[in-house]
């Protein structure tokens, strides 16, 4: 990738994560990228195209590693279905492991996902565009693991999973205050194993009938 284009994407990712799509101008992005404003329109068609390229730069890889994790889990169960914990782990663990291992590389992108997922204006459309095919694959696996579940309960359970995951991405610091410092929102390593166990219990409880 062209180094100037990469700098623009890095700058845009950080500024979009902190201020949202509407809160950032092309000029601010190019100033942070230390590049001439004209180069924005050399590399990208528009601000919207720049935003899309910021998202696509990482989303394809993240979807790929989660799909691979699910396929590996399924291969370990040739004669039965994976557990709910295993399926949720395949969905969450690859993302959280990347963030824990290379925080500087991934934190702004994850914060951008958290912001989009909680946006009433564009969240539904954008999350659907980038993530729905993969999410549908995981929901199908959960349906097989919970064959007697009501679809309504299953989708609400996924909704709660998505909320927990993106709140963790946001690293707001609130858990730091609530716990008196015992927990830190930046301590992603502590979340990796806890999240699938917690969420699987919720799926089972809500979908048990």
Protein backbone atom coordinates (compact mmCIF):
# COMPACT_ATOMS: atom_id res chain seq x y z
CA UNK A 1 0.00 0.00 0.00
CA UNK A 2 1.19 3.53 -0.80
CA UNK A 3 2.70 5.03 2.41
CA UNK A 4 0.74 8.29 2.10
CA UNK A 5 -2.52 6.38 1.64
CA UNK A 6 -1.68 4.32 4.72
CA UNK A 7 -1.02 7.47 6.77
CA UNK A 8 -4.33 8.94 5.65
CA UNK A 9 -6.19 5.76 6.64
CA UNK A 10 -4.46 5.69 10.04
CA UNK A 11 -5.31 9.34 10.69
CA UNK A 12 -8.90 8.93 9.54
CA UNK A 13 -9.39 5.82 11.64
CA UNK A 14 -8.25 7.60 14.82
CA UNK A 15 -10.24 10.78 14.18
CA UNK A 16 -13.42 8.95 13.13
CA UNK A 17 -13.11 6.79 16.25
CA UNK A 18 -12.88 9.83 18.51
CA UNK A 19 -15.27 12.26 16.80
CA UNK A 20 -17.52 10.32 14.43
CA UNK A 21 -17.99 10.68 10.69
CA UNK A 22 -19.73 14.04 10.90
CA UNK A 23 -17.33 15.45 13.48
CA UNK A 24 -14.22 15.25 11.30
CA UNK A 25 -13.27 17.17 8.16
CA UNK A 26 -11.02 16.04 5.33
CA UNK A 27 -8.70 18.92 6.20
CA UNK A 28 -8.36 17.69 9.81
CA UNK A 29 -7.59 14.18 8.60
CA UNK A 30 -4.96 15.40 6.15
CA UNK A 31 -3.37 17.65 8.76
CA UNK A 32 -3.01 14.69 11.11
CA UNK A 33 -1.67 12.57 8.25
CA UNK A 34 0.84 15.35 7.40
CA UNK A 35 -0.29 15.31 3.78
CA UNK A 36 -1.66 17.87 1.35
CA UNK A 37 -5.45 18.05 1.18
CA UNK A 38 -5.39 17.42 -2.56
CA UNK A 39 -3.98 13.94 -1.95
CA UNK A 40 -7.18 12.94 -0.16
CA UNK A 41 -9.01 13.15 -3.47
CA UNK A 42 -6.17 11.47 -5.31
CA UNK A 43 -6.43 8.38 -3.12
CA UNK A 44 -10.17 8.48 -2.27
CA UNK A 45 -13.29 9.57 -4.15
CA UNK A 46 -14.91 11.32 -1.19
CA UNK A 47 -15.03 11.46 2.59
CA UNK A 48 -17.56 8.61 2.52
CA UNK A 49 -15.22 6.54 0.36
CA UNK A 50 -12.41 7.24 2.82
CA UNK A 51 -14.61 6.07 5.68
CA UNK A 52 -15.54 2.90 3.77
CA UNK A 53 -11.89 2.17 3.06
CA UNK A 54 -11.05 2.65 6.75
CA UNK A 55 -13.66 0.03 7.60
CA UNK A 56 -12.79 -2.40 4.81
CA UNK A 57 -9.05 -2.28 5.52
CA UNK A 58 -9.53 -4.41 8.64
CA UNK A 59 -13.02 -5.89 8.51
CA UNK A 60 -12.22 -8.51 5.89
CA UNK A 61 -9.35 -9.85 8.00
CA UNK A 62 -11.40 -9.84 11.21
CA UNK A 63 -14.26 -11.71 9.54
CA UNK A 64 -11.81 -14.17 8.02
CA UNK A 65 -10.14 -15.11 11.30
CA UNK A 66 -13.48 -15.52 13.09
CA UNK A 67 -14.87 -17.72 10.34
CA UNK A 68 -11.70 -19.82 10.45
CA UNK A 69 -12.06 -20.15 14.24
CA UNK A 70 -15.65 -21.35 13.86
CA UNK A 71 -14.70 -23.84 11.15
CA UNK A 72 -11.95 -25.24 13.38
CA UNK A 73 -14.41 -25.63 16.25
CA UNK A 74 -16.85 -27.45 13.98
CA UNK A 75 -14.13 -29.78 12.71
CA UNK A 76 -13.51 -30.89 16.29
CA UNK A 77 -17.14 -32.06 16.46
CA UNK A 78 -17.65 -34.35 13.46
CA UNK A 79 -20.45 -36.28 15.19
CA UNK A 80 -22.15 -33.58 17.27
CA UNK A 81 -22.50 -29.83 17.60
CA UNK A 82 -19.96 -27.48 19.23
CA UNK A 83 -20.93 -26.07 22.60
CA UNK A 84 -22.38 -22.59 22.93
CA UNK A 85 -19.16 -21.53 24.69
CA UNK A 86 -17.06 -22.74 21.78
CA UNK A 87 -19.18 -20.93 19.20
CA UNK A 88 -19.18 -17.67 21.14
CA UNK A 89 -15.47 -18.06 21.79
CA UNK A 90 -14.83 -18.38 18.06
CA UNK A 91 -16.75 -15.13 17.58
CA UNK A 92 -15.15 -13.07 20.35
CA UNK A 93 -11.74 -14.56 21.16
CA UNK A 94 -9.93 -13.75 17.87
CA UNK A 95 -10.97 -10.10 18.16
CA UNK A 96 -10.11 -9.73 21.82
CA UNK A 97 -6.79 -11.55 21.42
CA UNK A 98 -5.69 -9.14 18.68
CA UNK A 99 -6.60 -6.17 20.87
CA UNK A 100 -4.83 -7.62 23.91
CA UNK A 101 -1.67 -8.49 21.97
CA UNK A 102 -1.35 -5.31 19.88
CA UNK A 103 -3.45 -2.61 21.49
CA UNK A 104 -1.96 0.32 19.60
CA UNK A 105 -2.61 -1.34 16.26
CA UNK A 106 -6.27 -2.17 16.88
CA UNK A 107 -7.75 0.09 19.55
CA UNK A 108 -8.92 2.93 17.29
CA UNK A 109 -10.57 0.56 14.85
CA UNK A 110 -12.37 -1.27 17.64
CA UNK A 111 -13.50 2.02 19.17
CA UNK A 112 -14.87 2.98 15.75
CA UNK A 113 -16.86 -0.27 15.62
CA UNK A 114 -18.22 0.44 19.10
CA UNK A 115 -19.25 3.93 18.03
CA UNK A 116 -20.96 2.68 14.87
CA UNK A 117 -22.77 -0.13 16.67
CA UNK A 118 -24.30 2.40 19.06
CA UNK A 119 -25.25 4.99 16.45
CA UNK A 120 -29.03 5.35 15.93
CA UNK A 121 -28.43 7.15 12.65
CA UNK A 122 -26.12 4.81 10.73
CA UNK A 123 -25.32 1.91 13.04
CA UNK A 124 -27.84 -0.58 11.69
CA UNK A 125 -26.95 0.06 8.07
CA UNK A 126 -23.19 0.06 8.54
CA UNK A 127 -22.97 -2.94 10.86
CA UNK A 128 -25.23 -4.89 8.51
CA UNK A 129 -23.08 -4.01 5.52
CA UNK A 130 -19.79 -5.05 7.09
CA UNK A 131 -20.69 -7.86 9.46
CA UNK A 132 -24.09 -9.46 8.78
CA UNK A 133 -22.95 -12.35 6.52
CA UNK A 134 -20.50 -13.51 9.19
CA UNK A 135 -22.98 -12.94 12.04
CA UNK A 136 -25.61 -15.00 10.20
CA UNK A 137 -23.12 -17.87 9.93
CA UNK A 138 -22.57 -17.80 13.70
CA UNK A 139 -26.28 -17.54 14.45
CA UNK A 140 -26.89 -20.63 12.32
CA UNK A 141 -24.28 -22.48 14.40
CA UNK A 142 -25.99 -21.31 17.61
CA UNK A 143 -29.35 -22.48 16.31
CA UNK A 144 -27.90 -25.97 15.88
CA UNK A 145 -26.34 -25.85 19.36
CA UNK A 146 -29.66 -24.67 20.86
CA UNK A 147 -32.17 -26.53 18.67
CA UNK A 148 -35.20 -25.89 20.87
CA UNK A 149 -34.65 -22.15 21.19
CA UNK A 150 -37.23 -19.60 20.16
CA UNK A 151 -35.72 -17.52 17.32
CA UNK A 152 -36.76 -14.34 19.11
CA UNK A 153 -34.77 -15.34 22.20
CA UNK A 154 -31.78 -16.31 20.09
CA UNK A 155 -31.64 -12.98 18.29
CA UNK A 156 -32.08 -11.02 21.51
CA UNK A 157 -29.22 -13.05 22.97
CA UNK A 158 -27.03 -12.08 20.04
CA UNK A 159 -28.08 -8.46 20.54
CA UNK A 160 -26.83 -8.63 24.13
CA UNK A 161 -23.60 -10.31 22.97
CA UNK A 162 -22.99 -7.52 20.48
CA UNK A 163 -23.57 -4.89 23.16
CA UNK A 164 -21.19 -6.51 25.63
CA UNK A 165 -18.50 -6.91 23.00
CA UNK A 166 -18.63 -3.37 21.68
CA UNK A 167 -18.81 -1.85 25.17
CA UNK A 168 -15.57 -3.72 25.87
CA UNK A 169 -14.12 -2.29 22.65
CA UNK A 170 -15.00 1.25 23.75
CA UNK A 171 -12.72 1.06 26.83
CA UNK A 172 -14.68 3.81 28.56
CA UNK A 173 -12.97 3.41 31.94
CA UNK A 174 -16.27 3.07 33.78
CA UNK A 175 -15.44 -0.38 35.18
CA UNK A 176 -12.24 1.13 36.57
CA UNK A 177 -14.30 3.54 38.67
CA UNK A 178 -17.00 1.06 39.66
CA UNK A 179 -14.45 -1.54 40.80
CA UNK A 180 -12.21 0.93 42.60
CA UNK A 181 -9.38 -0.02 40.26
CA UNK A 182 -9.74 -3.79 40.66
CA UNK A 183 -10.71 -4.02 36.98
CA UNK A 184 -9.45 -1.89 34.12
CA UNK A 185 -11.27 -1.44 30.81
CA UNK A 186 -7.92 -1.65 29.01
CA UNK A 187 -7.18 -5.08 30.52
CA UNK A 188 -8.53 -6.97 27.51
CA UNK A 189 -6.64 -10.14 28.44
CA UNK A 190 -8.92 -10.51 31.46
CA UNK A 191 -11.98 -10.47 29.19
CA UNK A 192 -10.93 -13.14 26.67
CA UNK A 193 -12.03 -16.20 28.67
CA UNK A 194 -14.65 -14.53 30.85
CA UNK A 195 -16.82 -13.25 28.01
CA UNK A 196 -17.72 -16.58 26.31
CA UNK A 197 -18.50 -18.19 29.68
CA UNK A 198 -20.73 -15.31 30.75
CA UNK A 199 -22.54 -14.97 27.43
CA UNK A 200 -23.06 -18.69 26.96
CA UNK A 201 -24.85 -18.84 30.31
CA UNK A 202 -27.12 -16.03 29.15
CA UNK A 203 -27.87 -17.74 25.84
CA UNK A 204 -28.76 -20.98 27.62
CA UNK A 205 -30.94 -19.29 30.21
CA UNK A 206 -32.89 -17.23 27.71
CA UNK A 207 -33.16 -19.99 25.10
CA UNK A 208 -33.79 -22.91 27.46
CA UNK A 209 -37.48 -23.22 26.60
